[in-house]
Amino acid sequence: MAPEEIIAAVSAGLPPQVRCEPDHRGVMLRVPPGHWLAALAFARERLDCDFFDWLTAVDEADDGFSVVVHVYSLAGRHHVLLATALPRPSPRLPTATGIYRGAAWHERETHEMFGIGFDGHPHLAPLLLPDGFEGHPLRKDFVLAARAAKEWPGVKEPGGRGVPRARRPGPPHVPRGWGP
């Protein structure tokens, strides 16, 4: 399917709240969270996107989170990106595992790294981080302990051996007074 055909099919088959725009490899669907599963099912059934490639999130700071999915049609050889915006206080989506079984691992990783909930997921257990880890390391407000625990790379000035230097502020994104 050509991008124009995909755009026409989306316009005819999904609600007008789902915006479809050309992308460098195909099309991108901007989907409200309430139409998330319908858009994924539409991509699989009507656009023949039978290959689930990946799902991830982007921390958009004050704007919340974007969840992005890439699917591909093996027969038609076309790509479709689906993206939705979630509020920062309680980012939740229904799970896509009923439509694409391959989404299970990606949703677990996104839940663990960003703190996004996937309602109905069969096993939303920790995947990558050690037991007892607190926080979501890919959120922009997550404090990177390593930056406060040791010298930040590049703090030594070239040729500045033995010369006292002015006190510098701490590394970026580490609150003042945090750490050793």
N, C-alpha and C. Protein backbone atom coordinates (compact mmCIF):
# COMPACT_ATOMS: atom_id res chain seq x y z
N MET A 1 0.84 -1.19 0.00
CA MET A 1 0.00 0.00 0.00
C MET A 1 0.88 1.24 0.00
N ALA A 2 0.50 2.18 -0.81
CA ALA A 2 1.18 3.47 -0.83
C ALA A 2 0.65 4.32 0.33
N PRO A 3 1.44 5.29 0.79
CA PRO A 3 0.97 6.15 1.89
C PRO A 3 -0.39 6.79 1.62
N GLU A 4 -0.65 7.17 0.38
CA GLU A 4 -1.95 7.78 0.04
C GLU A 4 -3.09 6.80 0.26
N GLU A 5 -2.87 5.52 -0.08
CA GLU A 5 -3.90 4.49 0.12
C GLU A 5 -4.15 4.25 1.61
N ILE A 6 -3.07 4.26 2.40
CA ILE A 6 -3.21 4.06 3.85
C ILE A 6 -3.99 5.23 4.45
N ILE A 7 -3.65 6.45 4.05
CA ILE A 7 -4.35 7.64 4.56
C ILE A 7 -5.82 7.58 4.21
N ALA A 8 -6.15 7.17 3.00
CA ALA A 8 -7.55 7.06 2.58
C ALA A 8 -8.27 5.98 3.39
N ALA A 9 -7.62 4.84 3.62
CA ALA A 9 -8.24 3.76 4.39
C ALA A 9 -8.48 4.19 5.84
N VAL A 10 -7.52 4.90 6.43
CA VAL A 10 -7.67 5.38 7.81
C VAL A 10 -8.79 6.40 7.89
N SER A 11 -8.87 7.30 6.94
CA SER A 11 -9.93 8.31 6.94
C SER A 11 -11.31 7.67 6.84
N ALA A 12 -11.41 6.57 6.09
CA ALA A 12 -12.70 5.89 5.92
C ALA A 12 -13.03 4.94 7.06
N GLY A 13 -12.01 4.42 7.76
CA GLY A 13 -12.26 3.36 8.73
C GLY A 13 -12.08 3.69 10.19
N LEU A 14 -11.46 4.82 10.50
CA LEU A 14 -11.25 5.18 11.90
C LEU A 14 -11.91 6.52 12.19
N PRO A 15 -12.22 6.81 13.45
CA PRO A 15 -12.86 8.09 13.79
C PRO A 15 -11.98 9.29 13.40
N PRO A 16 -12.58 10.45 13.20
CA PRO A 16 -11.81 11.62 12.78
C PRO A 16 -10.81 12.10 13.84
N GLN A 17 -10.95 11.65 15.09
CA GLN A 17 -9.98 12.03 16.12
C GLN A 17 -8.60 11.41 15.86
N VAL A 18 -8.57 10.34 15.08
CA VAL A 18 -7.30 9.71 14.71
C VAL A 18 -6.77 10.47 13.50
N ARG A 19 -5.65 11.15 13.71
CA ARG A 19 -5.04 11.91 12.62
C ARG A 19 -3.99 11.06 11.93
N CYS A 20 -3.97 11.13 10.64
CA CYS A 20 -3.04 10.35 9.84
C CYS A 20 -2.20 11.31 9.02
N GLU A 21 -0.88 11.16 9.08
CA GLU A 21 0.00 12.04 8.33
C GLU A 21 1.13 11.24 7.70
N PRO A 22 1.61 11.66 6.53
CA PRO A 22 2.71 10.94 5.90
C PRO A 22 3.97 11.00 6.76
N ASP A 23 4.74 9.95 6.67
CA ASP A 23 5.99 9.83 7.42
C ASP A 23 7.07 9.46 6.41
N HIS A 24 8.32 9.52 6.81
CA HIS A 24 9.40 9.22 5.86
C HIS A 24 9.39 7.77 5.37
N ARG A 25 8.77 6.85 6.11
CA ARG A 25 8.75 5.45 5.68
C ARG A 25 7.35 4.92 5.43
N GLY A 26 6.34 5.72 5.65
CA GLY A 26 4.97 5.28 5.51
C GLY A 26 4.03 6.34 6.04
N VAL A 27 3.27 6.00 7.08
CA VAL A 27 2.37 6.98 7.68
C VAL A 27 2.48 6.90 9.20
N MET A 28 2.05 7.98 9.83
CA MET A 28 1.98 8.02 11.28
C MET A 28 0.57 8.33 11.69
N LEU A 29 0.03 7.52 12.60
CA LEU A 29 -1.30 7.75 13.14
C LEU A 29 -1.15 8.35 14.53
N ARG A 30 -1.73 9.52 14.73
CA ARG A 30 -1.78 10.15 16.06
C ARG A 30 -3.14 9.77 16.65
N VAL A 31 -3.10 8.95 17.69
CA VAL A 31 -4.29 8.28 18.20
C VAL A 31 -4.60 8.76 19.62
N PRO A 32 -5.83 9.21 19.89
CA PRO A 32 -6.19 9.48 21.29
C PRO A 32 -6.20 8.17 22.07
N PRO A 33 -5.86 8.21 23.36
CA PRO A 33 -5.78 6.97 24.15
C PRO A 33 -7.06 6.12 24.10
N GLY A 34 -8.20 6.75 23.98
CA GLY A 34 -9.46 5.99 23.94
C GLY A 34 -9.65 5.17 22.67
N HIS A 35 -8.89 5.48 21.64
CA HIS A 35 -8.98 4.74 20.36
C HIS A 35 -7.75 3.88 20.11
N TRP A 36 -6.92 3.70 21.14
CA TRP A 36 -5.65 2.99 20.98
C TRP A 36 -5.83 1.57 20.44
N LEU A 37 -6.66 0.76 21.08
CA LEU A 37 -6.83 -0.62 20.63
C LEU A 37 -7.52 -0.70 19.27
N ALA A 38 -8.48 0.18 19.03
CA ALA A 38 -9.16 0.18 17.73
C ALA A 38 -8.18 0.49 16.61
N ALA A 39 -7.27 1.44 16.84
CA ALA A 39 -6.28 1.79 15.81
C ALA A 39 -5.29 0.65 15.58
N LEU A 40 -4.87 -0.02 16.66
CA LEU A 40 -3.96 -1.16 16.49
C LEU A 40 -4.65 -2.31 15.74
N ALA A 41 -5.90 -2.60 16.09
CA ALA A 41 -6.65 -3.66 15.40
C ALA A 41 -6.85 -3.28 13.93
N PHE A 42 -7.13 -2.02 13.66
CA PHE A 42 -7.30 -1.55 12.29
C PHE A 42 -6.00 -1.75 11.49
N ALA A 43 -4.87 -1.41 12.11
CA ALA A 43 -3.59 -1.59 11.43
C ALA A 43 -3.33 -3.05 11.11
N ARG A 44 -3.69 -3.93 12.01
CA ARG A 44 -3.46 -5.36 11.78
C ARG A 44 -4.42 -5.93 10.73
N GLU A 45 -5.71 -5.62 10.87
CA GLU A 45 -6.72 -6.25 10.02
C GLU A 45 -6.91 -5.56 8.67
N ARG A 46 -7.01 -4.26 8.68
CA ARG A 46 -7.34 -3.53 7.44
C ARG A 46 -6.10 -3.05 6.69
N LEU A 47 -5.01 -2.77 7.41
CA LEU A 47 -3.80 -2.32 6.73
C LEU A 47 -2.80 -3.45 6.55
N ASP A 48 -3.17 -4.65 7.00
CA ASP A 48 -2.36 -5.86 6.84
C ASP A 48 -0.99 -5.75 7.53
N CYS A 49 -0.91 -4.99 8.62
CA CYS A 49 0.35 -4.86 9.36
C CYS A 49 0.42 -6.00 10.37
N ASP A 50 0.96 -7.12 9.92
CA ASP A 50 0.98 -8.33 10.72
C ASP A 50 2.24 -8.49 11.56
N PHE A 51 3.23 -7.64 11.36
CA PHE A 51 4.49 -7.75 12.09
C PHE A 51 4.59 -6.62 13.10
N PHE A 52 4.63 -6.97 14.39
CA PHE A 52 4.82 -6.00 15.47
C PHE A 52 6.32 -5.82 15.65
N ASP A 53 6.81 -4.62 15.38
CA ASP A 53 8.24 -4.37 15.44
C ASP A 53 8.68 -3.91 16.82
N TRP A 54 8.13 -2.80 17.32
CA TRP A 54 8.53 -2.31 18.63
C TRP A 54 7.49 -1.37 19.21
N LEU A 55 7.58 -1.19 20.52
CA LEU A 55 6.77 -0.23 21.27
C LEU A 55 7.69 0.41 22.29
N THR A 56 7.60 1.73 22.42
CA THR A 56 8.40 2.44 23.41
C THR A 56 7.67 3.70 23.82
N ALA A 57 8.29 4.44 24.71
CA ALA A 57 7.71 5.71 25.17
C ALA A 57 8.77 6.80 25.07
N VAL A 58 8.29 8.03 25.10
CA VAL A 58 9.15 9.21 25.13
C VAL A 58 8.63 10.10 26.25
N ASP A 59 9.52 10.52 27.13
CA ASP A 59 9.15 11.44 28.19
C ASP A 59 9.16 12.85 27.60
N GLU A 60 7.99 13.43 27.49
CA GLU A 60 7.85 14.77 26.91
C GLU A 60 7.83 15.85 27.99
N ALA A 61 8.40 15.56 29.15
CA ALA A 61 8.47 16.48 30.30
C ALA A 61 7.07 16.90 30.74
N ASP A 62 6.79 18.19 30.73
CA ASP A 62 5.49 18.69 31.23
C ASP A 62 4.31 18.23 30.38
N ASP A 63 4.54 17.84 29.14
CA ASP A 63 3.47 17.41 28.25
C ASP A 63 3.06 15.95 28.49
N GLY A 64 3.74 15.25 29.37
CA GLY A 64 3.40 13.86 29.65
C GLY A 64 4.29 12.89 28.90
N PHE A 65 3.70 11.83 28.40
CA PHE A 65 4.46 10.79 27.71
C PHE A 65 3.82 10.52 26.34
N SER A 66 4.64 10.16 25.39
CA SER A 66 4.16 9.64 24.11
C SER A 66 4.50 8.16 24.08
N VAL A 67 3.54 7.34 23.71
CA VAL A 67 3.79 5.92 23.49
C VAL A 67 3.72 5.71 21.98
N VAL A 68 4.75 5.07 21.44
CA VAL A 68 4.88 4.91 19.99
C VAL A 68 5.03 3.42 19.67
N VAL A 69 4.30 2.99 18.65
CA VAL A 69 4.36 1.61 18.17
C VAL A 69 4.70 1.62 16.68
N HIS A 70 5.56 0.70 16.27
CA HIS A 70 5.89 0.54 14.86
C HIS A 70 5.43 -0.85 14.42
N VAL A 71 4.58 -0.89 13.40
CA VAL A 71 4.13 -2.16 12.83
C VAL A 71 4.44 -2.15 11.34
N TYR A 72 4.48 -3.34 10.76
CA TYR A 72 4.94 -3.49 9.38
C TYR A 72 4.10 -4.56 8.69
N SER A 73 3.85 -4.37 7.41
CA SER A 73 3.15 -5.37 6.61
C SER A 73 4.19 -6.18 5.83
N LEU A 74 4.26 -7.46 6.12
CA LEU A 74 5.21 -8.31 5.41
C LEU A 74 4.81 -8.47 3.95
N ALA A 75 3.50 -8.58 3.69
CA ALA A 75 3.03 -8.75 2.31
C ALA A 75 3.10 -7.44 1.52
N GLY A 76 2.60 -6.36 2.12
CA GLY A 76 2.55 -5.08 1.42
C GLY A 76 3.81 -4.26 1.52
N ARG A 77 4.70 -4.64 2.45
CA ARG A 77 5.98 -3.96 2.65
C ARG A 77 5.81 -2.48 2.95
N HIS A 78 4.86 -2.17 3.83
CA HIS A 78 4.69 -0.78 4.25
C HIS A 78 4.73 -0.69 5.78
N HIS A 79 5.12 0.48 6.25
CA HIS A 79 5.28 0.76 7.68
C HIS A 79 4.17 1.66 8.17
N VAL A 80 3.78 1.47 9.43
CA VAL A 80 2.83 2.38 10.09
C VAL A 80 3.33 2.62 11.51
N LEU A 81 3.42 3.89 11.87
CA LEU A 81 3.72 4.29 13.24
C LEU A 81 2.43 4.73 13.89
N LEU A 82 2.19 4.32 15.12
CA LEU A 82 1.04 4.78 15.89
C LEU A 82 1.57 5.43 17.15
N ALA A 83 1.07 6.61 17.48
CA ALA A 83 1.52 7.33 18.66
C ALA A 83 0.33 7.88 19.42
N THR A 84 0.44 7.88 20.74
CA THR A 84 -0.59 8.46 21.58
C THR A 84 0.08 9.25 22.69
N ALA A 85 -0.61 10.26 23.18
CA ALA A 85 -0.10 11.10 24.26
C ALA A 85 -0.83 10.76 25.55
N LEU A 86 -0.06 10.60 26.63
CA LEU A 86 -0.62 10.25 27.93
C LEU A 86 -0.26 11.33 28.95
N PRO A 87 -1.15 11.59 29.89
CA PRO A 87 -0.85 12.60 30.91
C PRO A 87 0.23 12.11 31.88
N ARG A 88 1.02 13.03 32.39
CA ARG A 88 2.10 12.67 33.29
C ARG A 88 1.63 12.06 34.62
N PRO A 89 0.57 12.56 35.25
CA PRO A 89 0.21 12.02 36.58
C PRO A 89 -0.17 10.54 36.58
N SER A 90 -0.89 10.07 35.59
CA SER A 90 -1.29 8.66 35.59
C SER A 90 -1.29 8.11 34.16
N PRO A 91 -0.10 7.82 33.63
CA PRO A 91 -0.03 7.31 32.26
C PRO A 91 -0.47 5.85 32.18
N ARG A 92 -1.59 5.60 31.50
CA ARG A 92 -2.13 4.24 31.38
C ARG A 92 -2.70 4.04 29.98
N LEU A 93 -2.56 2.83 29.49
CA LEU A 93 -3.15 2.40 28.22
C LEU A 93 -3.63 0.97 28.38
N PRO A 94 -4.61 0.57 27.58
CA PRO A 94 -4.94 -0.87 27.57
C PRO A 94 -3.83 -1.63 26.85
N THR A 95 -3.62 -2.85 27.25
CA THR A 95 -2.56 -3.65 26.65
C THR A 95 -2.88 -4.00 25.20
N ALA A 96 -1.83 -4.08 24.40
CA ALA A 96 -1.97 -4.47 23.00
C ALA A 96 -1.72 -5.95 22.79
N THR A 97 -1.52 -6.70 23.87
CA THR A 97 -1.16 -8.12 23.73
C THR A 97 -2.27 -8.97 23.13
N GLY A 98 -3.52 -8.52 23.19
CA GLY A 98 -4.60 -9.26 22.56
C GLY A 98 -4.60 -9.12 21.04
N ILE A 99 -3.94 -8.10 20.54
CA ILE A 99 -3.87 -7.85 19.10
C ILE A 99 -2.53 -8.31 18.55
N TYR A 100 -1.45 -7.96 19.25
CA TYR A 100 -0.09 -8.36 18.88
C TYR A 100 0.54 -9.02 20.10
N ARG A 101 0.75 -10.33 20.04
CA ARG A 101 1.37 -11.02 21.19
C ARG A 101 2.77 -10.51 21.45
N GLY A 102 3.45 -10.05 20.42
CA GLY A 102 4.81 -9.53 20.57
C GLY A 102 4.90 -8.27 21.39
N ALA A 103 3.77 -7.66 21.70
CA ALA A 103 3.79 -6.42 22.49
C ALA A 103 4.09 -6.69 23.96
N ALA A 104 3.97 -7.91 24.42
CA ALA A 104 4.11 -8.22 25.85
C ALA A 104 5.45 -7.77 26.41
N TRP A 105 6.54 -8.17 25.78
CA TRP A 105 7.87 -7.81 26.28
C TRP A 105 8.06 -6.30 26.24
N HIS A 106 7.66 -5.65 25.17
CA HIS A 106 7.85 -4.20 25.01
C HIS A 106 7.04 -3.41 26.04
N GLU A 107 5.84 -3.87 26.34
CA GLU A 107 5.03 -3.21 27.35
C GLU A 107 5.64 -3.38 28.74
N ARG A 108 6.20 -4.54 29.01
CA ARG A 108 6.88 -4.75 30.30
C ARG A 108 8.06 -3.80 30.44
N GLU A 109 8.86 -3.68 29.39
CA GLU A 109 10.02 -2.79 29.43
C GLU A 109 9.58 -1.33 29.59
N THR A 110 8.56 -0.91 28.85
CA THR A 110 8.07 0.46 28.93
C THR A 110 7.47 0.75 30.30
N HIS A 111 6.79 -0.23 30.86
CA HIS A 111 6.25 -0.07 32.21
C HIS A 111 7.38 0.12 33.23
N GLU A 112 8.40 -0.69 33.11
CA GLU A 112 9.50 -0.66 34.06
C GLU A 112 10.35 0.61 33.92
N MET A 113 10.63 1.02 32.71
CA MET A 113 11.53 2.15 32.49
C MET A 113 10.84 3.51 32.59
N PHE A 114 9.55 3.58 32.23
CA PHE A 114 8.83 4.86 32.23
C PHE A 114 7.70 4.93 33.25
N GLY A 115 7.27 3.80 33.78
CA GLY A 115 6.16 3.79 34.73
C GLY A 115 4.79 3.91 34.08
N ILE A 116 4.69 3.52 32.84
CA ILE A 116 3.41 3.56 32.13
C ILE A 116 2.69 2.24 32.37
N GLY A 117 1.44 2.31 32.82
CA GLY A 117 0.66 1.11 33.09
C GLY A 117 -0.03 0.61 31.84
N PHE A 118 -0.12 -0.70 31.70
CA PHE A 118 -0.82 -1.32 30.59
C PHE A 118 -1.90 -2.22 31.17
N ASP A 119 -3.12 -1.70 31.21
CA ASP A 119 -4.24 -2.40 31.83
C ASP A 119 -4.55 -3.69 31.06
N GLY A 120 -4.68 -4.78 31.80
CA GLY A 120 -5.00 -6.07 31.21
C GLY A 120 -3.79 -6.86 30.75
N HIS A 121 -2.59 -6.36 30.97
CA HIS A 121 -1.38 -7.09 30.57
C HIS A 121 -1.30 -8.40 31.35
N PRO A 122 -0.97 -9.52 30.70
CA PRO A 122 -0.98 -10.81 31.40
C PRO A 122 0.09 -10.98 32.47
N HIS A 123 1.22 -10.25 32.37
CA HIS A 123 2.30 -10.45 33.35
C HIS A 123 3.21 -9.23 33.35
N LEU A 124 2.75 -8.15 33.95
CA LEU A 124 3.49 -6.89 33.97
C LEU A 124 4.50 -6.89 35.11
N ALA A 125 5.47 -7.80 35.04
CA ALA A 125 6.47 -7.98 36.09
C ALA A 125 7.78 -7.31 35.66
N PRO A 126 8.66 -7.00 36.63
CA PRO A 126 9.96 -6.42 36.28
C PRO A 126 10.71 -7.31 35.30
N LEU A 127 11.45 -6.65 34.42
CA LEU A 127 12.10 -7.37 33.33
C LEU A 127 13.61 -7.15 33.33
N LEU A 128 14.07 -5.92 33.50
CA LEU A 128 15.47 -5.58 33.31
C LEU A 128 16.19 -5.12 34.57
N LEU A 129 15.50 -4.46 35.48
CA LEU A 129 16.15 -3.86 36.64
C LEU A 129 16.25 -4.86 37.79
N PRO A 130 17.22 -4.67 38.67
CA PRO A 130 17.37 -5.61 39.80
C PRO A 130 16.21 -5.51 40.77
N ASP A 131 16.00 -6.56 41.55
CA ASP A 131 14.94 -6.59 42.56
C ASP A 131 15.13 -5.43 43.53
N GLY A 132 14.04 -4.80 43.89
CA GLY A 132 14.08 -3.71 44.84
C GLY A 132 14.41 -2.36 44.25
N PHE A 133 14.63 -2.28 42.95
CA PHE A 133 14.96 -1.00 42.32
C PHE A 133 13.74 -0.09 42.40
N GLU A 134 13.97 1.15 42.79
CA GLU A 134 12.88 2.11 42.91
C GLU A 134 13.02 3.19 41.85
N GLY A 135 11.92 3.52 41.22
CA GLY A 135 11.92 4.59 40.22
C GLY A 135 11.86 4.05 38.80
N HIS A 136 11.84 4.98 37.88
CA HIS A 136 11.76 4.66 36.45
C HIS A 136 12.89 5.41 35.74
N PRO A 137 13.98 4.72 35.40
CA PRO A 137 15.21 5.38 34.97
C PRO A 137 15.14 6.16 33.65
N LEU A 138 14.15 5.95 32.82
CA LEU A 138 14.11 6.71 31.57
C LEU A 138 13.22 7.94 31.66
N ARG A 139 12.70 8.22 32.84
CA ARG A 139 11.96 9.48 33.03
C ARG A 139 12.97 10.61 33.19
N LYS A 140 12.62 11.76 32.67
CA LYS A 140 13.54 12.89 32.75
C LYS A 140 13.74 13.39 34.17
N ASP A 141 12.81 13.12 35.07
CA ASP A 141 12.96 13.59 36.44
C ASP A 141 13.69 12.57 37.33
N PHE A 142 14.17 11.47 36.75
CA PHE A 142 14.89 10.46 37.52
C PHE A 142 16.31 10.94 37.77
N VAL A 143 16.74 10.94 39.02
CA VAL A 143 18.08 11.39 39.38
C VAL A 143 19.07 10.27 39.11
N LEU A 144 20.07 10.56 38.32
CA LEU A 144 21.10 9.57 38.02
C LEU A 144 22.13 9.59 39.13
N ALA A 145 22.12 8.57 39.97
CA ALA A 145 22.98 8.53 41.15
C ALA A 145 24.45 8.55 40.77
N ALA A 146 24.81 7.94 39.66
CA ALA A 146 26.21 7.90 39.26
C ALA A 146 26.77 9.30 39.03
N ARG A 147 25.93 10.25 38.63
CA ARG A 147 26.42 11.61 38.39
C ARG A 147 26.79 12.30 39.70
N ALA A 148 26.14 11.95 40.78
CA ALA A 148 26.44 12.57 42.06
C ALA A 148 27.50 11.80 42.83
N ALA A 149 27.69 10.51 42.53
CA ALA A 149 28.60 9.67 43.29
C ALA A 149 30.05 9.81 42.85
N LYS A 150 30.31 10.21 41.61
CA LYS A 150 31.69 10.35 41.16
C LYS A 150 31.80 11.59 40.28
N GLU A 151 33.03 11.99 40.05
CA GLU A 151 33.28 13.19 39.25
C GLU A 151 32.66 13.03 37.86
N TRP A 152 32.08 14.10 37.40
CA TRP A 152 31.48 14.13 36.08
C TRP A 152 32.58 14.22 35.04
N PRO A 153 32.52 13.44 33.94
CA PRO A 153 33.59 13.51 32.93
C PRO A 153 33.73 14.93 32.39
N GLY A 154 34.96 15.32 32.21
CA GLY A 154 35.21 16.64 31.63
C GLY A 154 35.37 17.74 32.65
N VAL A 155 35.34 17.43 33.96
CA VAL A 155 35.47 18.50 34.94
C VAL A 155 36.91 18.98 35.05
N LYS A 156 37.86 18.18 34.63
CA LYS A 156 39.25 18.60 34.69
C LYS A 156 39.57 19.46 33.47
N GLU A 157 40.10 20.60 33.73
CA GLU A 157 40.46 21.51 32.65
C GLU A 157 41.78 21.06 32.04
N PRO A 158 41.93 21.16 30.73
CA PRO A 158 43.21 20.78 30.12
C PRO A 158 44.33 21.68 30.65
N GLY A 159 45.43 21.08 31.03
CA GLY A 159 46.58 21.84 31.52
C GLY A 159 46.38 22.44 32.88
N GLY A 160 45.35 22.03 33.59
CA GLY A 160 45.04 22.65 34.87
C GLY A 160 45.53 21.85 36.06
N ARG A 161 46.59 21.08 35.92
CA ARG A 161 47.10 20.26 37.03
C ARG A 161 47.63 21.15 38.15
N GLY A 162 47.18 20.88 39.33
CA GLY A 162 47.67 21.58 40.49
C GLY A 162 47.13 23.00 40.64
N VAL A 163 46.36 23.44 39.72
CA VAL A 163 45.80 24.78 39.81
C VAL A 163 44.41 24.67 40.41
N PRO A 164 44.14 25.39 41.50
CA PRO A 164 42.80 25.31 42.06
C PRO A 164 41.78 25.87 41.08
N ARG A 165 40.65 25.24 41.04
CA ARG A 165 39.62 25.70 40.12
C ARG A 165 38.44 26.23 40.91
N ALA A 166 37.65 27.01 40.27
CA ALA A 166 36.46 27.57 40.92
C ALA A 166 35.46 26.45 41.17
N ARG A 167 34.67 26.60 42.23
CA ARG A 167 33.65 25.61 42.53
C ARG A 167 32.61 25.62 41.42
N ARG A 168 32.33 24.45 40.92
CA ARG A 168 31.37 24.32 39.83
C ARG A 168 30.06 23.76 40.35
N PRO A 169 28.99 24.07 39.67
CA PRO A 169 27.72 23.43 40.06
C PRO A 169 27.79 21.93 39.76
N GLY A 170 26.91 21.18 40.39
CA GLY A 170 26.89 19.74 40.19
C GLY A 170 26.50 19.35 38.77
N PRO A 171 26.53 18.08 38.50
CA PRO A 171 26.16 17.61 37.17
C PRO A 171 24.69 17.91 36.87
N PRO A 172 24.33 17.92 35.60
CA PRO A 172 22.95 18.24 35.24
C PRO A 172 21.95 17.25 35.82
N HIS A 173 20.78 17.73 36.16
CA HIS A 173 19.65 16.93 36.64
C HIS A 173 19.87 16.28 38.00
N VAL A 174 20.85 16.74 38.78
CA VAL A 174 21.05 16.23 40.12
C VAL A 174 20.73 17.36 41.08
N PRO A 175 19.76 17.16 41.98
CA PRO A 175 19.41 18.24 42.91
C PRO A 175 20.59 18.62 43.80
N ARG A 176 20.68 19.89 44.17
CA ARG A 176 21.75 20.39 45.02
C ARG A 176 21.74 19.66 46.36
N GLY A 177 22.90 19.21 46.82
CA GLY A 177 23.00 18.52 48.10
C GLY A 177 22.68 17.04 48.05
N TRP A 178 22.39 16.49 46.86
CA TRP A 178 22.04 15.08 46.76
C TRP A 178 23.32 14.29 46.57
N GLY A 179 23.44 13.17 47.23
CA GLY A 179 24.58 12.29 47.05
C GLY A 179 25.62 12.46 48.15
N PRO A 180 26.82 11.87 47.96
CA PRO A 180 27.85 11.87 49.00
C PRO A 180 28.48 13.25 49.20
